[in-house]
Amino acid sequence: MNLLKRVRINETQELQLRIDAVNLLNHPNFGDPNLNINTPNNDFGRITTAT
């Protein structure tokens, strides 16, 4: 995403103001926590997946 504003100073000169943002709306979607209380490696309540 970027925002750009051009301002003319005179006929031959121009000022450019620019803001760039990379991965602005990128966020993880976490999976459901493990609800099996009898897991062998103590994973109860841990979230192990994300998309």
PDB file of N, CA and C in Angstrom:
ATOM      1  N   MET A   1       0.857  -1.160   0.000  1.00  0.00           N
ATOM      2  CA  MET A   1       0.000   0.000   0.000  1.00  0.00           C
ATOM      3  C   MET A   1       0.905   1.224   0.000  1.00  0.00           C
ATOM      4  N   ASN A   2       0.516   2.216  -0.748  1.00  0.00           N
ATOM      5  CA  ASN A   2       1.266   3.463  -0.682  1.00  0.00           C
ATOM      6  C   ASN A   2       0.331   4.646  -0.891  1.00  0.00           C
ATOM      7  N   LEU A   3       0.747   5.768  -0.371  1.00  0.00           N
ATOM      8  CA  LEU A   3       0.053   7.036  -0.559  1.00  0.00           C
ATOM      9  C   LEU A   3       1.027   7.997  -1.208  1.00  0.00           C
ATOM     10  N   LEU A   4       0.522   8.771  -2.171  1.00  0.00           N
ATOM     11  CA  LEU A   4       1.390   9.662  -2.927  1.00  0.00           C
ATOM     12  C   LEU A   4       0.699  11.007  -3.087  1.00  0.00           C
ATOM     13  N   LYS A   5       1.462  12.075  -2.868  1.00  0.00           N
ATOM     14  CA  LYS A   5       0.947  13.430  -3.064  1.00  0.00           C
ATOM     15  C   LYS A   5       2.008  14.227  -3.809  1.00  0.00           C
ATOM     16  N   ARG A   6       1.622  14.754  -4.947  1.00  0.00           N
ATOM     17  CA  ARG A   6       2.543  15.583  -5.737  1.00  0.00           C
ATOM     18  C   ARG A   6       2.125  17.049  -5.626  1.00  0.00           C
ATOM     19  N   VAL A   7       3.105  17.893  -5.333  1.00  0.00           N
ATOM     20  CA  VAL A   7       2.863  19.330  -5.183  1.00  0.00           C
ATOM     21  C   VAL A   7       3.779  20.055  -6.160  1.00  0.00           C
ATOM     22  N   ARG A   8       3.175  20.846  -7.028  1.00  0.00           N
ATOM     23  CA  ARG A   8       3.961  21.598  -7.999  1.00  0.00           C
ATOM     24  C   ARG A   8       4.505  22.871  -7.337  1.00  0.00           C
ATOM     25  N   ILE A   9       5.825  23.028  -7.421  1.00  0.00           N
ATOM     26  CA  ILE A   9       6.470  24.204  -6.828  1.00  0.00           C
ATOM     27  C   ILE A   9       6.475  25.342  -7.842  1.00  0.00           C
ATOM     28  N   ASN A  10       6.933  25.071  -9.035  1.00  0.00           N
ATOM     29  CA  ASN A  10       6.816  26.008 -10.152  1.00  0.00           C
ATOM     30  C   ASN A  10       6.654  25.188 -11.433  1.00  0.00           C
ATOM     31  N   GLU A  11       6.818  25.773 -12.613  1.00  0.00           N
ATOM     32  CA  GLU A  11       6.543  25.056 -13.854  1.00  0.00           C
ATOM     33  C   GLU A  11       7.449  23.845 -14.069  1.00  0.00           C
ATOM     34  N   THR A  12       8.661  23.881 -13.574  1.00  0.00           N
ATOM     35  CA  THR A  12       9.614  22.799 -13.858  1.00  0.00           C
ATOM     36  C   THR A  12       9.939  21.938 -12.639  1.00  0.00           C
ATOM     37  N   GLN A  13       9.500  22.328 -11.469  1.00  0.00           N
ATOM     38  CA  GLN A  13       9.845  21.572 -10.265  1.00  0.00           C
ATOM     39  C   GLN A  13       8.581  21.052  -9.587  1.00  0.00           C
ATOM     40  N   GLU A  14       8.745  19.870  -9.019  1.00  0.00           N
ATOM     41  CA  GLU A  14       7.622  19.225  -8.357  1.00  0.00           C
ATOM     42  C   GLU A  14       8.131  18.510  -7.110  1.00  0.00           C
ATOM     43  N   LEU A  15       7.368  18.587  -6.040  1.00  0.00           N
ATOM     44  CA  LEU A  15       7.704  17.915  -4.796  1.00  0.00           C
ATOM     45  C   LEU A  15       6.786  16.701  -4.664  1.00  0.00           C
ATOM     46  N   GLN A  16       7.378  15.562  -4.306  1.00  0.00           N
ATOM     47  CA  GLN A  16       6.607  14.321  -4.187  1.00  0.00           C
ATOM     48  C   GLN A  16       6.717  13.797  -2.761  1.00  0.00           C
ATOM     49  N   LEU A  17       5.579  13.658  -2.075  1.00  0.00           N
ATOM     50  CA  LEU A  17       5.514  13.092  -0.741  1.00  0.00           C
ATOM     51  C   LEU A  17       4.941  11.687  -0.874  1.00  0.00           C
ATOM     52  N   ARG A  18       5.663  10.692  -0.327  1.00  0.00           N
ATOM     53  CA  ARG A  18       5.256   9.310  -0.534  1.00  0.00           C
ATOM     54  C   ARG A  18       5.419   8.509   0.758  1.00  0.00           C
ATOM     55  N   ILE A  19       4.414   7.669   1.060  1.00  0.00           N
ATOM     56  CA  ILE A  19       4.441   6.763   2.205  1.00  0.00           C
ATOM     57  C   ILE A  19       4.158   5.359   1.681  1.00  0.00           C
ATOM     58  N   ASP A  20       5.072   4.406   1.988  1.00  0.00           N
ATOM     59  CA  ASP A  20       4.902   3.020   1.586  1.00  0.00           C
ATOM     60  C   ASP A  20       4.735   2.147   2.824  1.00  0.00           C
ATOM     61  N   ALA A  21       3.835   1.180   2.742  1.00  0.00           N
ATOM     62  CA  ALA A  21       3.635   0.221   3.825  1.00  0.00           C
ATOM     63  C   ALA A  21       3.551  -1.175   3.207  1.00  0.00           C
ATOM     64  N   VAL A  22       4.388  -2.088   3.689  1.00  0.00           N
ATOM     65  CA  VAL A  22       4.424  -3.453   3.177  1.00  0.00           C
ATOM     66  C   VAL A  22       3.755  -4.370   4.208  1.00  0.00           C
ATOM     67  N   ASN A  23       2.926  -5.268   3.735  1.00  0.00           N
ATOM     68  CA  ASN A  23       2.192  -6.218   4.589  1.00  0.00           C
ATOM     69  C   ASN A  23       1.380  -5.498   5.669  1.00  0.00           C
ATOM     70  N   LEU A  24       0.703  -4.478   5.283  1.00  0.00           N
ATOM     71  CA  LEU A  24      -0.047  -3.667   6.245  1.00  0.00           C
ATOM     72  C   LEU A  24      -1.187  -4.451   6.894  1.00  0.00           C
ATOM     73  N   LEU A  25      -1.894  -5.265   6.118  1.00  0.00           N
ATOM     74  CA  LEU A  25      -3.034  -5.999   6.651  1.00  0.00           C
ATOM     75  C   LEU A  25      -2.731  -7.471   6.863  1.00  0.00           C
ATOM     76  N   ASN A  26      -1.466  -7.843   6.849  1.00  0.00           N
ATOM     77  CA  ASN A  26      -1.082  -9.235   7.007  1.00  0.00           C
ATOM     78  C   ASN A  26      -1.095  -9.596   8.490  1.00  0.00           C
ATOM     79  N   HIS A  27      -1.927 -10.556   8.862  1.00  0.00           N
ATOM     80  CA  HIS A  27      -1.988 -11.019  10.242  1.00  0.00           C
ATOM     81  C   HIS A  27      -2.306 -12.508  10.239  1.00  0.00           C
ATOM     82  N   PRO A  28      -1.852 -13.282  11.211  1.00  0.00           N
ATOM     83  CA  PRO A  28      -2.124 -14.719  11.241  1.00  0.00           C
ATOM     84  C   PRO A  28      -3.542 -15.018  11.716  1.00  0.00           C
ATOM     85  N   ASN A  29      -4.076 -16.104  11.202  1.00  0.00           N
ATOM     86  CA  ASN A  29      -5.353 -16.632  11.679  1.00  0.00           C
ATOM     87  C   ASN A  29      -5.033 -17.903  12.448  1.00  0.00           C
ATOM     88  N   PHE A  30      -5.083 -17.836  13.753  1.00  0.00           N
ATOM     89  CA  PHE A  30      -4.705 -18.967  14.589  1.00  0.00           C
ATOM     90  C   PHE A  30      -5.794 -20.037  14.580  1.00  0.00           C
ATOM     91  N   GLY A  31      -5.353 -21.297  14.662  1.00  0.00           N
ATOM     92  CA  GLY A  31      -6.278 -22.426  14.730  1.00  0.00           C
ATOM     93  C   GLY A  31      -6.847 -22.583  16.123  1.00  0.00           C
ATOM     94  N   ASP A  32      -7.669 -23.609  16.274  1.00  0.00           N
ATOM     95  CA  ASP A  32      -8.282 -23.885  17.576  1.00  0.00           C
ATOM     96  C   ASP A  32      -7.268 -24.551  18.507  1.00  0.00           C
ATOM     97  N   PRO A  33      -7.365 -24.318  19.799  1.00  0.00           N
ATOM     98  CA  PRO A  33      -6.455 -24.980  20.733  1.00  0.00           C
ATOM     99  C   PRO A  33      -6.760 -26.472  20.841  1.00  0.00           C
ATOM    100  N   ASN A  34      -5.761 -27.247  21.214  1.00  0.00           N
ATOM    101  CA  ASN A  34      -5.913 -28.684  21.397  1.00  0.00           C
ATOM    102  C   ASN A  34      -6.707 -28.921  22.686  1.00  0.00           C
ATOM    103  N   LEU A  35      -7.850 -29.577  22.566  1.00  0.00           N
ATOM    104  CA  LEU A  35      -8.714 -29.792  23.726  1.00  0.00           C
ATOM    105  C   LEU A  35      -8.646 -31.218  24.265  1.00  0.00           C
ATOM    106  N   ASN A  36      -7.764 -32.031  23.713  1.00  0.00           N
ATOM    107  CA  ASN A  36      -7.606 -33.404  24.186  1.00  0.00           C
ATOM    108  C   ASN A  36      -6.683 -33.399  25.405  1.00  0.00           C
ATOM    109  N   ILE A  37      -7.214 -33.733  26.563  1.00  0.00           N
ATOM    110  CA  ILE A  37      -6.444 -33.680  27.802  1.00  0.00           C
ATOM    111  C   ILE A  37      -5.484 -34.858  27.942  1.00  0.00           C
ATOM    112  N   ASN A  38      -5.670 -35.911  27.124  1.00  0.00           N
ATOM    113  CA  ASN A  38      -4.841 -37.114  27.226  1.00  0.00           C
ATOM    114  C   ASN A  38      -3.727 -37.152  26.176  1.00  0.00           C
ATOM    115  N   THR A  39      -3.181 -36.022  25.790  1.00  0.00           N
ATOM    116  CA  THR A  39      -2.095 -36.020  24.800  1.00  0.00           C
ATOM    117  C   THR A  39      -0.798 -36.444  25.473  1.00  0.00           C
ATOM    118  N   PRO A  40       0.041 -37.225  24.761  1.00  0.00           N
ATOM    119  CA  PRO A  40       1.261 -37.749  25.383  1.00  0.00           C
ATOM    120  C   PRO A  40       2.345 -36.686  25.624  1.00  0.00           C
ATOM    121  N   ASN A  41       2.371 -35.620  24.851  1.00  0.00           N
ATOM    122  CA  ASN A  41       3.447 -34.629  25.022  1.00  0.00           C
ATOM    123  C   ASN A  41       2.940 -33.302  25.598  1.00  0.00           C
ATOM    124  N   ASN A  42       1.893 -33.352  26.385  1.00  0.00           N
ATOM    125  CA  ASN A  42       1.388 -32.190  27.135  1.00  0.00           C
ATOM    126  C   ASN A  42       1.039 -31.008  26.224  1.00  0.00           C
ATOM    127  N   ASP A  43       0.257 -31.266  25.166  1.00  0.00           N
ATOM    128  CA  ASP A  43      -0.167 -30.208  24.241  1.00  0.00           C
ATOM    129  C   ASP A  43      -1.544 -29.633  24.569  1.00  0.00           C
ATOM    130  N   PHE A  44      -2.113 -29.966  25.703  1.00  0.00           N
ATOM    131  CA  PHE A  44      -3.456 -29.485  26.036  1.00  0.00           C
ATOM    132  C   PHE A  44      -3.469 -27.958  26.085  1.00  0.00           C
ATOM    133  N   GLY A  45      -4.372 -27.346  25.315  1.00  0.00           N
ATOM    134  CA  GLY A  45      -4.529 -25.901  25.309  1.00  0.00           C
ATOM    135  C   GLY A  45      -3.595 -25.168  24.369  1.00  0.00           C
ATOM    136  N   ARG A  46      -2.663 -25.858  23.733  1.00  0.00           N
ATOM    137  CA  ARG A  46      -1.725 -25.196  22.814  1.00  0.00           C
ATOM    138  C   ARG A  46      -2.332 -25.027  21.433  1.00  0.00           C
ATOM    139  N   ILE A  47      -2.018 -23.906  20.807  1.00  0.00           N
ATOM    140  CA  ILE A  47      -2.425 -23.651  19.432  1.00  0.00           C
ATOM    141  C   ILE A  47      -1.200 -23.940  18.561  1.00  0.00           C
ATOM    142  N   THR A  48      -1.323 -24.940  17.714  1.00  0.00           N
ATOM    143  CA  THR A  48      -0.171 -25.383  16.922  1.00  0.00           C
ATOM    144  C   THR A  48      -0.324 -25.115  15.435  1.00  0.00           C
ATOM    145  N   THR A  49      -1.414 -24.477  15.012  1.00  0.00           N
ATOM    146  CA  THR A  49      -1.620 -24.184  13.588  1.00  0.00           C
ATOM    147  C   THR A  49      -1.958 -22.717  13.390  1.00  0.00           C
ATOM    148  N   ALA A  50      -1.562 -22.215  12.236  1.00  0.00           N
ATOM    149  CA  ALA A  50      -1.899 -20.861  11.824  1.00  0.00           C
ATOM    150  C   ALA A  50      -1.905 -20.807  10.308  1.00  0.00           C
ATOM    151  N   THR A  51      -2.773 -19.977   9.757  1.00  0.00           N
ATOM    152  CA  THR A  51      -2.830 -19.813   8.302  1.00  0.00           C
ATOM    153  C   THR A  51      -2.650 -18.366   7.940  1.00  0.00           C
TER     154      THR A  51
END
